[in-house]
C-alpha atoms as a PDB file:
ATOM      1  CA  MET A   1      -0.014  -0.010   0.010  1.00  0.00           C
ATOM      2  CA  LYS A   2       1.274   3.407  -0.871  1.00  0.00           C
ATOM      3  CA  SER A   3       1.343   5.943   1.965  1.00  0.00           C
ATOM      4  CA  THR A   4      -1.224   8.044   0.082  1.00  0.00           C
ATOM      5  CA  GLU A   5      -3.633   5.107   0.210  1.00  0.00           C
ATOM      6  CA  VAL A   6      -3.079   4.707   3.965  1.00  0.00           C
ATOM      7  CA  TYR A   7      -3.590   8.436   4.552  1.00  0.00           C
ATOM      8  CA  ALA A   8      -6.752   8.482   2.420  1.00  0.00           C
ATOM      9  CA  LEU A   9      -8.242   5.560   4.342  1.00  0.00           C
ATOM     10  CA  LEU A  10      -7.361   7.029   7.733  1.00  0.00           C
ATOM     11  CA  LYS A  11      -8.740  10.410   6.665  1.00  0.00           C
ATOM     12  CA  SER A  12     -12.053   8.872   5.664  1.00  0.00           C
ATOM     13  CA  GLU A  13     -12.312   6.901   8.912  1.00  0.00           C
ATOM     14  CA  LEU A  14     -10.917   9.355  11.474  1.00  0.00           C
ATOM     15  CA  GLY A  15     -11.707  12.670   9.791  1.00  0.00           C
ATOM     16  CA  PRO A  16     -15.414  12.777  10.658  1.00  0.00           C
ATOM     17  CA  TRP A  17     -14.657  12.404  14.374  1.00  0.00           C
ATOM     18  CA  PHE A  18     -12.069  15.200  14.277  1.00  0.00           C
ATOM     19  CA  LYS A  19     -14.443  17.478  12.333  1.00  0.00           C
ATOM     20  CA  ALA A  20     -17.281  16.828  14.816  1.00  0.00           C
ATOM     21  CA  ALA A  21     -14.878  17.593  17.683  1.00  0.00           C
ATOM     22  CA  GLY A  22     -14.029  21.014  16.197  1.00  0.00           C
ATOM     23  CA  PHE A  23     -10.721  20.153  14.559  1.00  0.00           C
ATOM     24  CA  LYS A  24      -9.726  21.475  11.154  1.00  0.00           C
ATOM     25  CA  ARG A  25      -7.409  19.732   8.717  1.00  0.00           C
ATOM     26  CA  ALA A  26      -3.850  21.004   8.886  1.00  0.00           C
ATOM     27  CA  ASP A  27      -1.314  21.110   6.086  1.00  0.00           C
ATOM     28  CA  THR A  28       1.293  18.529   7.114  1.00  0.00           C
ATOM     29  CA  PHE A  29       0.948  14.733   7.020  1.00  0.00           C
ATOM     30  CA  LEU A  30      -2.613  13.701   7.811  1.00  0.00           C
ATOM     31  CA  SER A  31      -3.217  16.137  10.649  1.00  0.00           C
ATOM     32  CA  TRP A  32      -5.948  18.023  12.426  1.00  0.00           C
ATOM     33  CA  SER A  33      -5.745  20.977  14.799  1.00  0.00           C
ATOM     34  CA  ARG A  34      -7.971  23.088  17.021  1.00  0.00           C
ATOM     35  CA  PRO A  35      -7.320  25.974  19.431  1.00  0.00           C
ATOM     36  CA  HIS A  36      -7.067  25.298  23.145  1.00  0.00           C
ATOM     37  CA  GLY A  37      -6.786  28.572  25.025  1.00  0.00           C
ATOM     38  CA  ASN A  38      -3.753  30.334  23.584  1.00  0.00           C
ATOM     39  CA  LEU A  39      -2.314  27.023  22.342  1.00  0.00           C
ATOM     40  CA  HIS A  40      -3.312  24.471  19.726  1.00  0.00           C
ATOM     41  CA  ILE A  41      -3.994  20.751  19.987  1.00  0.00           C
ATOM     42  CA  THR A  42      -2.680  18.975  16.889  1.00  0.00           C
ATOM     43  CA  ALA A  43      -3.078  15.264  16.103  1.00  0.00           C
ATOM     44  CA  TRP A  44      -1.591  13.435  13.151  1.00  0.00           C
ATOM     45  CA  CYS A  45      -0.917  10.104  11.547  1.00  0.00           C
ATOM     46  CA  GLN A  46       2.520   9.395  10.076  1.00  0.00           C
ATOM     47  CA  VAL A  47       3.440   6.433   7.924  1.00  0.00           C
ATOM     48  CA  SER A  48       6.906   5.027   8.543  1.00  0.00           C
ATOM     49  CA  ARG A  49       9.810   6.221   6.423  1.00  0.00           C
ATOM     50  CA  ASP A  50      10.855   2.558   6.138  1.00  0.00           C
ATOM     51  CA  GLY A  51       8.548   2.369   3.155  1.00  0.00           C
ATOM     52  CA  TRP A  52       6.361  -0.470   1.924  1.00  0.00           C
ATOM     53  CA  ASP A  53       7.350  -4.097   1.588  1.00  0.00           C
ATOM     54  CA  GLU A  54       4.930  -6.503  -0.124  1.00  0.00           C
ATOM     55  CA  TYR A  55       5.630  -9.172   2.518  1.00  0.00           C
ATOM     56  CA  SER A  56       6.157  -7.332   5.798  1.00  0.00           C
ATOM     57  CA  GLY A  57       3.892  -4.368   4.980  1.00  0.00           C
ATOM     58  CA  SER A  58       4.609  -1.126   6.833  1.00  0.00           C
ATOM     59  CA  LYS A  59       3.464   0.768   9.917  1.00  0.00           C
ATOM     60  CA  PHE A  60       2.166   4.140  11.055  1.00  0.00           C
ATOM     61  CA  VAL A  61       1.935   6.082  14.288  1.00  0.00           C
ATOM     62  CA  VAL A  62      -0.557   8.538  15.755  1.00  0.00           C
ATOM     63  CA  GLU A  63       0.780  11.532  17.640  1.00  0.00           C
ATOM     64  CA  PHE A  64      -0.655  14.435  19.683  1.00  0.00           C
ATOM     65  CA  GLN A  65       0.866  17.754  20.645  1.00  0.00           C
ATOM     66  CA  LEU A  66      -0.012  20.929  22.494  1.00  0.00           C
ATOM     67  CA  ALA A  67       1.867  23.882  21.019  1.00  0.00           C
ATOM     68  CA  PRO A  68       1.673  27.629  20.363  1.00  0.00           C
ATOM     69  CA  ASP A  69       1.197  26.941  16.650  1.00  0.00           C
ATOM     70  CA  PRO A  70      -1.001  24.416  14.830  1.00  0.00           C
ATOM     71  CA  ILE A  71       1.989  22.920  13.037  1.00  0.00           C
ATOM     72  CA  VAL A  72       3.007  19.272  13.197  1.00  0.00           C
ATOM     73  CA  GLY A  73       6.278  19.013  15.092  1.00  0.00           C
ATOM     74  CA  ALA A  74       6.171  22.686  16.156  1.00  0.00           C
ATOM     75  CA  SER A  75       7.944  23.719  19.315  1.00  0.00           C
ATOM     76  CA  ALA A  76       5.556  21.769  21.403  1.00  0.00           C
ATOM     77  CA  THR A  77       4.681  22.503  24.981  1.00  0.00           C
ATOM     78  CA  ARG A  78       4.154  18.740  25.144  1.00  0.00           C
ATOM     79  CA  ARG A  79       3.980  15.921  22.629  1.00  0.00           C
ATOM     80  CA  GLN A  80       3.052  12.241  22.967  1.00  0.00           C
ATOM     81  CA  ARG A  81       2.414   9.306  20.705  1.00  0.00           C
ATOM     82  CA  LEU A  82      -0.792   7.327  21.069  1.00  0.00           C
ATOM     83  CA  ALA A  83       0.847   4.418  22.868  1.00  0.00           C
ATOM     84  CA  ARG A  84       1.898   6.599  25.801  1.00  0.00           C
ATOM     85  CA  LEU A  85      -1.708   7.625  26.332  1.00  0.00           C
ATOM     86  CA  LEU A  86      -3.044   4.041  26.536  1.00  0.00           C
ATOM     87  CA  THR A  87      -4.031   2.054  29.577  1.00  0.00           C
ATOM     88  CA  PRO A  88      -2.516  -1.421  30.061  1.00  0.00           C
ATOM     89  CA  GLU A  89      -5.757  -2.947  28.729  1.00  0.00           C
ATOM     90  CA  GLN A  90      -5.635  -0.756  25.626  1.00  0.00           C
ATOM     91  CA  ARG A  91      -1.974  -1.644  25.043  1.00  0.00           C
ATOM     92  CA  GLU A  92      -2.946  -5.301  25.271  1.00  0.00           C
ATOM     93  CA  ALA A  93      -5.727  -4.758  22.721  1.00  0.00           C
ATOM     94  CA  ALA A  94      -3.158  -3.090  20.441  1.00  0.00           C
ATOM     95  CA  ARG A  95      -0.841  -6.112  20.863  1.00  0.00           C
ATOM     96  CA  ARG A  96      -3.690  -8.465  19.865  1.00  0.00           C
ATOM     97  CA  ILE A  97      -4.391  -6.423  16.711  1.00  0.00           C
ATOM     98  CA  GLU A  98      -0.639  -6.251  15.962  1.00  0.00           C
ATOM     99  CA  ASN A  99      -0.339 -10.039  16.305  1.00  0.00           C
ATOM    100  CA  GLU A 100      -3.374 -10.572  14.028  1.00  0.00           C
ATOM    101  CA  VAL A 101      -1.688  -8.407  11.380  1.00  0.00           C
ATOM    102  CA  ILE A 102       1.616 -10.246  11.765  1.00  0.00           C
ATOM    103  CA  ALA A 103      -0.117 -13.663  11.596  1.00  0.00           C
ATOM    104  CA  SER A 104      -1.726 -12.627   8.301  1.00  0.00           C
ATOM    105  CA  LEU A 105       1.588 -11.742   6.643  1.00  0.00           C
ATOM    106  CA  LYS A 106       2.907 -13.894   3.829  1.00  0.00           C
ATOM    107  CA  ARG A 107       6.527 -14.852   4.488  1.00  0.00           C
ATOM    108  CA  PRO A 108       9.002 -13.815   1.793  1.00  0.00           C
ATOM    109  CA  PRO A 109      10.487 -16.278  -0.681  1.00  0.00           C
ATOM    110  CA  LYS A 110      14.087 -17.340  -0.101  1.00  0.00           C
ATOM    111  CA  THR A 111      15.064 -15.060  -2.994  1.00  0.00           C
ATOM    112  CA  HIS A 112      13.895 -11.877  -1.221  1.00  0.00           C
ATOM    113  CA  PRO A 113      16.728  -9.286  -1.346  1.00  0.00           C
ATOM    114  CA  SER A 114      16.619  -8.593   2.414  1.00  0.00           C
ATOM    115  CA  LEU A 115      17.584 -12.213   3.040  1.00  0.00           C
ATOM    116  CA  HIS A 116      20.835 -11.873   1.110  1.00  0.00           C
ATOM    117  CA  VAL A 117      22.506  -8.741   2.442  1.00  0.00           C
ATOM    118  CA  SER A 118      24.037  -9.986   5.700  1.00  0.00           C
ATOM    119  CA  PRO A 119      23.063 -12.232   8.622  1.00  0.00           C
ATOM    120  CA  GLU A 120      22.146  -9.153  10.651  1.00  0.00           C
ATOM    121  CA  VAL A 121      19.795  -7.817   7.966  1.00  0.00           C
ATOM    122  CA  THR A 122      18.239 -11.266   7.531  1.00  0.00           C
ATOM    123  CA  ARG A 123      17.543 -11.492  11.287  1.00  0.00           C
ATOM    124  CA  TRP A 124      16.155  -7.937  11.361  1.00  0.00           C
ATOM    125  CA  TYR A 125      13.899  -8.578   8.375  1.00  0.00           C
ATOM    126  CA  LEU A 126      12.602 -11.978   9.540  1.00  0.00           C
ATOM    127  CA  ALA A 127      11.876 -10.553  13.009  1.00  0.00           C
ATOM    128  CA  LYS A 128       9.080  -8.559  11.337  1.00  0.00           C
ATOM    129  CA  PHE A 129       7.202 -11.853  11.052  1.00  0.00           C
ATOM    130  CA  ASP A 130       7.479 -12.743  14.760  1.00  0.00           C
ATOM    131  CA  THR A 131       4.429 -12.082  16.907  1.00  0.00           C
ATOM    132  CA  VAL A 132       4.762  -9.845  19.975  1.00  0.00           C
ATOM    133  CA  SER A 133       4.956 -12.361  22.810  1.00  0.00           C
ATOM    134  CA  ALA A 134       4.985 -10.062  25.855  1.00  0.00           C
ATOM    135  CA  PRO A 135       2.651  -7.194  26.794  1.00  0.00           C
ATOM    136  CA  TYR A 136       3.842  -3.777  25.727  1.00  0.00           C
ATOM    137  CA  PRO A 137       5.293  -1.974  28.734  1.00  0.00           C
ATOM    138  CA  GLU A 138       4.163   1.498  29.703  1.00  0.00           C
ATOM    139  CA  GLY A 139       5.964   4.064  27.569  1.00  0.00           C
ATOM    140  CA  HIS A 140       6.679   1.609  24.735  1.00  0.00           C
ATOM    141  CA  ASP A 141       6.519   3.242  21.293  1.00  0.00           C
ATOM    142  CA  ILE A 142       3.956   1.209  19.364  1.00  0.00           C
ATOM    143  CA  TRP A 143       3.879   1.594  15.598  1.00  0.00           C
ATOM    144  CA  LEU A 144       0.689   0.183  14.078  1.00  0.00           C
ATOM    145  CA  ARG A 145       1.549  -2.473  11.505  1.00  0.00           C
ATOM    146  CA  TYR A 146      -0.475  -3.098   8.354  1.00  0.00           C
ATOM    147  CA  ALA A 147      -0.260  -4.985   5.085  1.00  0.00           C
ATOM    148  CA  LYS A 148      -3.773  -4.563   3.669  1.00  0.00           C
ATOM    149  CA  PRO A 149      -6.474  -1.880   3.685  1.00  0.00           C
ATOM    150  CA  GLU A 150      -8.502  -3.903   6.196  1.00  0.00           C
ATOM    151  CA  HIS A 151      -5.601  -3.677   8.653  1.00  0.00           C
ATOM    152  CA  VAL A 152      -5.603   0.121   8.387  1.00  0.00           C
ATOM    153  CA  SER A 153      -9.390   0.139   8.871  1.00  0.00           C
ATOM    154  CA  GLY A 154      -9.040  -2.154  11.868  1.00  0.00           C
ATOM    155  CA  TRP A 155      -6.571   0.219  13.457  1.00  0.00           C
ATOM    156  CA  ALA A 156      -8.878   3.177  12.703  1.00  0.00           C
ATOM    157  CA  GLN A 157     -11.702   1.312  14.535  1.00  0.00           C
ATOM    158  CA  PHE A 158      -9.336   0.769  17.455  1.00  0.00           C
ATOM    159  CA  ILE A 159      -8.264   4.427  17.495  1.00  0.00           C
ATOM    160  CA  LEU A 160     -11.707   6.065  17.160  1.00  0.00           C
ATOM    161  CA  PRO A 161     -13.016   5.336  20.655  1.00  0.00           C
ATOM    162  CA  LEU A 162      -9.649   6.360  22.126  1.00  0.00           C
ATOM    163  CA  LEU A 163      -9.659   9.847  20.586  1.00  0.00           C
ATOM    164  CA  PRO A 164     -11.897  11.591  23.164  1.00  0.00           C
ATOM    165  CA  GLY A 165      -9.674  10.388  26.015  1.00  0.00           C
ATOM    166  CA  CYS A 166      -6.490  11.274  24.163  1.00  0.00           C
ATOM    167  CA  VAL A 167      -7.740  14.792  23.414  1.00  0.00           C
ATOM    168  CA  SER A 168      -8.850  15.196  27.059  1.00  0.00           C
ATOM    169  CA  ALA A 169      -5.380  14.148  28.163  1.00  0.00           C
ATOM    170  CA  VAL A 170      -3.792  16.728  25.832  1.00  0.00           C
ATOM    171  CA  GLU A 171      -6.192  19.398  27.096  1.00  0.00           C
ATOM    172  CA  ALA A 172      -5.075  18.606  30.652  1.00  0.00           C
ATOM    173  CA  TRP A 173      -1.465  19.401  29.691  1.00  0.00           C
ATOM    174  CA  GLY A 174      -2.372  23.023  29.161  1.00  0.00           C
END
């Protein structure tokens, strides 16, 4: 999946909630912003720079910030990724989804280029097909893996009910 496809899908699934909550689309990445006092709450989705692989897929992250300007990555008063705003139960739900995505991946053929660079690269690449065996600890940076549109939609359905609490947490920072 191209990043533009991922962004379009997330925009269609998350955008209505942000609009209803008073957010406006911002210019960078797939982002939304709204004023909060003399600051701005900005939320965005960012696809990994690692790019797309037809076997291991890719990943994205959701991030929130409170800053003087409604600009992604601006000099933030505070900034957190979604995972740091989750309860242990929500992190466990994310791990279950992650493992479902990983279990659905098709392993690469023996001729895949990443398997012929070095033993280290082979181990790194094949580790992408290992399920997450232990619960994510508090503060762990969780990137949301996907390989198909239905994975991205599944993550969006996971994220949607979390957004009100995440935005409330960001509001409490200021």
